[in-house]
Amino acid sequence: MSSPDKIKAIVLTCDRYRVMTQHLIVQYERLWPDHPFVFHIPYQELGGVDSERIKYHTSPADIKGAVLHLLANIDDEEWICWCVDDKYPIQLVTDKIASLISHAMRSPEVDSLIFCSCRVTLTNRKLSLYPH
């Protein structure tokens, strides 16, 4: 189960896109230094050194195999963050996001949360929960 201060962030990636994965992580560190994520990175040959915020997992090369491998030891009720290595934050309203995450993790009726702006909400801010 996820602890209130740590959330597994599963990164959908492979070895050849490692530079993009690193950029994703750097952006979170830069914009939200105390973020709750522990990034779980699948790899085939290009591993790395585990840290408090990054865990490397030897995984099959195919996306389905990698995802199933990464999900194998996660409780069905555990909160996870799905990260795609070519989608990274450029701006985060961290106080609002932290509040939303905290609320969502305590609310059994909430099963997902998205705190990024999709293209339509970038051009029409009224469609987002927090338009500022």
C-alpha atoms as a PDB file:
ATOM      1  CA  MET A   1       0.000   0.000   0.000  1.00  0.00           C
ATOM      2  CA  SER A   2       1.241   3.516  -0.710  1.00  0.00           C
ATOM      3  CA  SER A   3       2.214   5.520   2.323  1.00  0.00           C
ATOM      4  CA  PRO A   4       0.705   9.018   2.551  1.00  0.00           C
ATOM      5  CA  ASP A   5       4.054  10.588   1.700  1.00  0.00           C
ATOM      6  CA  LYS A   6       5.257   8.236  -1.081  1.00  0.00           C
ATOM      7  CA  ILE A   7       3.504   7.228  -4.288  1.00  0.00           C
ATOM      8  CA  LYS A   8       4.940   4.815  -6.834  1.00  0.00           C
ATOM      9  CA  ALA A   9       5.327   6.529 -10.197  1.00  0.00           C
ATOM     10  CA  ILE A  10       5.519   3.917 -12.931  1.00  0.00           C
ATOM     11  CA  VAL A  11       7.384   5.283 -15.935  1.00  0.00           C
ATOM     12  CA  LEU A  12       6.376   3.827 -19.294  1.00  0.00           C
ATOM     13  CA  THR A  13       9.707   3.789 -21.099  1.00  0.00           C
ATOM     14  CA  CYS A  14      12.538   1.635 -22.415  1.00  0.00           C
ATOM     15  CA  ASP A  15      16.335   1.924 -22.617  1.00  0.00           C
ATOM     16  CA  ARG A  16      16.544   3.970 -25.801  1.00  0.00           C
ATOM     17  CA  TYR A  17      14.404   6.750 -24.287  1.00  0.00           C
ATOM     18  CA  ARG A  18      16.378   7.040 -21.032  1.00  0.00           C
ATOM     19  CA  VAL A  19      17.292  10.685 -21.695  1.00  0.00           C
ATOM     20  CA  MET A  20      13.576  11.526 -21.849  1.00  0.00           C
ATOM     21  CA  THR A  21      12.960   9.627 -18.614  1.00  0.00           C
ATOM     22  CA  GLN A  22      15.731  11.592 -16.929  1.00  0.00           C
ATOM     23  CA  HIS A  23      14.222  14.846 -18.222  1.00  0.00           C
ATOM     24  CA  LEU A  24      10.807  13.878 -16.788  1.00  0.00           C
ATOM     25  CA  ILE A  25      12.346  13.259 -13.354  1.00  0.00           C
ATOM     26  CA  VAL A  26      14.425  16.453 -13.454  1.00  0.00           C
ATOM     27  CA  GLN A  27      11.311  18.482 -14.272  1.00  0.00           C
ATOM     28  CA  TYR A  28       9.471  17.084 -11.240  1.00  0.00           C
ATOM     29  CA  GLU A  29      12.515  17.768  -9.040  1.00  0.00           C
ATOM     30  CA  ARG A  30      12.803  21.316 -10.386  1.00  0.00           C
ATOM     31  CA  LEU A  31       9.102  22.237 -10.170  1.00  0.00           C
ATOM     32  CA  TRP A  32       8.137  20.270  -7.050  1.00  0.00           C
ATOM     33  CA  PRO A  33      11.222  19.461  -4.938  1.00  0.00           C
ATOM     34  CA  ASP A  34       9.199  17.696  -2.231  1.00  0.00           C
ATOM     35  CA  HIS A  35       6.988  15.677  -4.607  1.00  0.00           C
ATOM     36  CA  PRO A  36       5.730  12.345  -3.233  1.00  0.00           C
ATOM     37  CA  PHE A  37       6.805  10.176  -6.167  1.00  0.00           C
ATOM     38  CA  VAL A  38       9.232   7.282  -6.276  1.00  0.00           C
ATOM     39  CA  PHE A  39       9.893   6.681  -9.977  1.00  0.00           C
ATOM     40  CA  HIS A  40       9.932   3.016 -11.031  1.00  0.00           C
ATOM     41  CA  ILE A  41      11.855   2.714 -14.271  1.00  0.00           C
ATOM     42  CA  PRO A  42      11.862  -0.456 -16.397  1.00  0.00           C
ATOM     43  CA  TYR A  43      15.041  -1.319 -18.269  1.00  0.00           C
ATOM     44  CA  GLN A  44      16.522  -4.074 -20.367  1.00  0.00           C
ATOM     45  CA  GLU A  45      20.272  -3.316 -20.320  1.00  0.00           C
ATOM     46  CA  LEU A  46      20.600   0.309 -19.185  1.00  0.00           C
ATOM     47  CA  GLY A  47      19.985   0.138 -15.463  1.00  0.00           C
ATOM     48  CA  GLY A  48      20.983   2.682 -12.877  1.00  0.00           C
ATOM     49  CA  VAL A  49      21.645   3.146  -9.194  1.00  0.00           C
ATOM     50  CA  ASP A  50      18.553   2.991  -7.003  1.00  0.00           C
ATOM     51  CA  SER A  51      17.910   5.928  -4.690  1.00  0.00           C
ATOM     52  CA  GLU A  52      15.102   7.061  -2.402  1.00  0.00           C
ATOM     53  CA  ARG A  53      13.287   8.523  -5.411  1.00  0.00           C
ATOM     54  CA  ILE A  54      14.298   6.199  -8.257  1.00  0.00           C
ATOM     55  CA  LYS A  55      14.023   2.413  -8.514  1.00  0.00           C
ATOM     56  CA  TYR A  56      15.212   0.484 -11.575  1.00  0.00           C
ATOM     57  CA  HIS A  57      13.571  -2.792 -12.598  1.00  0.00           C
ATOM     58  CA  THR A  58      14.859  -5.290 -15.137  1.00  0.00           C
ATOM     59  CA  SER A  59      11.854  -5.780 -17.418  1.00  0.00           C
ATOM     60  CA  PRO A  60      10.850  -7.366 -20.703  1.00  0.00           C
ATOM     61  CA  ALA A  61      11.335  -5.124 -23.757  1.00  0.00           C
ATOM     62  CA  ASP A  62       7.682  -5.201 -24.833  1.00  0.00           C
ATOM     63  CA  ILE A  63       5.412  -2.622 -23.202  1.00  0.00           C
ATOM     64  CA  LYS A  64       2.819  -5.149 -22.015  1.00  0.00           C
ATOM     65  CA  GLY A  65       5.479  -7.323 -20.401  1.00  0.00           C
ATOM     66  CA  ALA A  66       7.148  -4.316 -18.774  1.00  0.00           C
ATOM     67  CA  VAL A  67       3.873  -2.977 -17.349  1.00  0.00           C
ATOM     68  CA  LEU A  68       2.808  -6.379 -16.002  1.00  0.00           C
ATOM     69  CA  HIS A  69       6.249  -6.831 -14.447  1.00  0.00           C
ATOM     70  CA  LEU A  70       6.078  -3.418 -12.751  1.00  0.00           C
ATOM     71  CA  LEU A  71       2.550  -4.055 -11.460  1.00  0.00           C
ATOM     72  CA  ALA A  72       3.281  -7.572 -10.146  1.00  0.00           C
ATOM     73  CA  ASN A  73       4.031  -6.538  -6.554  1.00  0.00           C
ATOM     74  CA  ILE A  74       1.586  -3.658  -6.230  1.00  0.00           C
ATOM     75  CA  ASP A  75      -1.530  -4.012  -4.110  1.00  0.00           C
ATOM     76  CA  ASP A  76      -4.814  -3.647  -6.035  1.00  0.00           C
ATOM     77  CA  GLU A  77      -5.821  -0.685  -3.842  1.00  0.00           C
ATOM     78  CA  GLU A  78      -2.483   1.116  -4.024  1.00  0.00           C
ATOM     79  CA  TRP A  79      -2.307   4.580  -5.575  1.00  0.00           C
ATOM     80  CA  ILE A  80       0.167   4.855  -8.428  1.00  0.00           C
ATOM     81  CA  CYS A  81       1.161   7.621 -10.765  1.00  0.00           C
ATOM     82  CA  TRP A  82       1.413   6.694 -14.439  1.00  0.00           C
ATOM     83  CA  CYS A  83       4.217   8.568 -16.182  1.00  0.00           C
ATOM     84  CA  VAL A  84       4.910   8.531 -19.888  1.00  0.00           C
ATOM     85  CA  ASP A  85       8.482   9.580 -20.494  1.00  0.00           C
ATOM     86  CA  ASP A  86       7.652  12.069 -23.259  1.00  0.00           C
ATOM     87  CA  LYS A  87       5.004  13.884 -21.169  1.00  0.00           C
ATOM     88  CA  TYR A  88       6.588  16.014 -18.491  1.00  0.00           C
ATOM     89  CA  PRO A  89       5.444  18.970 -16.404  1.00  0.00           C
ATOM     90  CA  ILE A  90       6.339  22.511 -17.399  1.00  0.00           C
ATOM     91  CA  GLN A  91       4.363  24.185 -14.616  1.00  0.00           C
ATOM     92  CA  LEU A  92       2.741  22.800 -11.471  1.00  0.00           C
ATOM     93  CA  VAL A  93       0.470  24.407  -8.883  1.00  0.00           C
ATOM     94  CA  THR A  94       1.983  22.223  -6.191  1.00  0.00           C
ATOM     95  CA  ASP A  95      -0.090  23.366  -3.206  1.00  0.00           C
ATOM     96  CA  LYS A  96      -3.324  22.572  -5.077  1.00  0.00           C
ATOM     97  CA  ILE A  97      -1.951  19.263  -6.388  1.00  0.00           C
ATOM     98  CA  ALA A  98      -0.776  18.161  -2.936  1.00  0.00           C
ATOM     99  CA  SER A  99      -4.198  19.003  -1.516  1.00  0.00           C
ATOM    100  CA  LEU A 100      -5.969  17.067  -4.294  1.00  0.00           C
ATOM    101  CA  ILE A 101      -3.717  14.034  -3.814  1.00  0.00           C
ATOM    102  CA  SER A 102      -4.257  14.065  -0.062  1.00  0.00           C
ATOM    103  CA  HIS A 103      -8.024  14.279  -0.490  1.00  0.00           C
ATOM    104  CA  ALA A 104      -8.111  11.601  -3.197  1.00  0.00           C
ATOM    105  CA  MET A 105      -6.071   9.116  -1.179  1.00  0.00           C
ATOM    106  CA  ARG A 106      -8.494   9.463   1.763  1.00  0.00           C
ATOM    107  CA  SER A 107     -11.624   9.208  -0.388  1.00  0.00           C
ATOM    108  CA  PRO A 108     -12.742   5.683  -1.335  1.00  0.00           C
ATOM    109  CA  GLU A 109     -15.004   7.064  -4.080  1.00  0.00           C
ATOM    110  CA  VAL A 110     -12.020   8.614  -5.915  1.00  0.00           C
ATOM    111  CA  ASP A 111     -10.150   6.181  -8.132  1.00  0.00           C
ATOM    112  CA  SER A 112      -8.059   8.488 -10.302  1.00  0.00           C
ATOM    113  CA  LEU A 113      -6.702  11.983 -10.504  1.00  0.00           C
ATOM    114  CA  ILE A 114      -5.117  14.030 -13.258  1.00  0.00           C
ATOM    115  CA  PHE A 115      -3.355  17.268 -12.478  1.00  0.00           C
ATOM    116  CA  CYS A 116      -2.002  18.251 -15.850  1.00  0.00           C
ATOM    117  CA  SER A 117      -3.554  20.500 -18.436  1.00  0.00           C
ATOM    118  CA  CYS A 118      -4.534  18.739 -21.585  1.00  0.00           C
ATOM    119  CA  ARG A 119      -4.444  20.698 -24.813  1.00  0.00           C
ATOM    120  CA  VAL A 120      -8.058  21.851 -24.593  1.00  0.00           C
ATOM    121  CA  THR A 121      -7.611  23.197 -21.060  1.00  0.00           C
ATOM    122  CA  LEU A 122      -4.513  25.113 -22.112  1.00  0.00           C
ATOM    123  CA  THR A 123      -6.555  27.137 -24.579  1.00  0.00           C
ATOM    124  CA  ASN A 124      -9.788  27.226 -22.562  1.00  0.00           C
ATOM    125  CA  ARG A 125      -8.757  27.541 -18.894  1.00  0.00           C
ATOM    126  CA  LYS A 126     -12.384  27.645 -17.703  1.00  0.00           C
ATOM    127  CA  LEU A 127     -12.555  23.893 -18.334  1.00  0.00           C
ATOM    128  CA  SER A 128      -9.934  23.135 -15.691  1.00  0.00           C
ATOM    129  CA  LEU A 129     -10.552  22.733 -11.973  1.00  0.00           C
ATOM    130  CA  TYR A 130      -8.047  25.434 -11.118  1.00  0.00           C
ATOM    131  CA  PRO A 131      -8.044  27.901 -14.046  1.00  0.00           C
ATOM    132  CA  HIS A 132      -5.216  30.082 -12.672  1.00  0.00           C
END
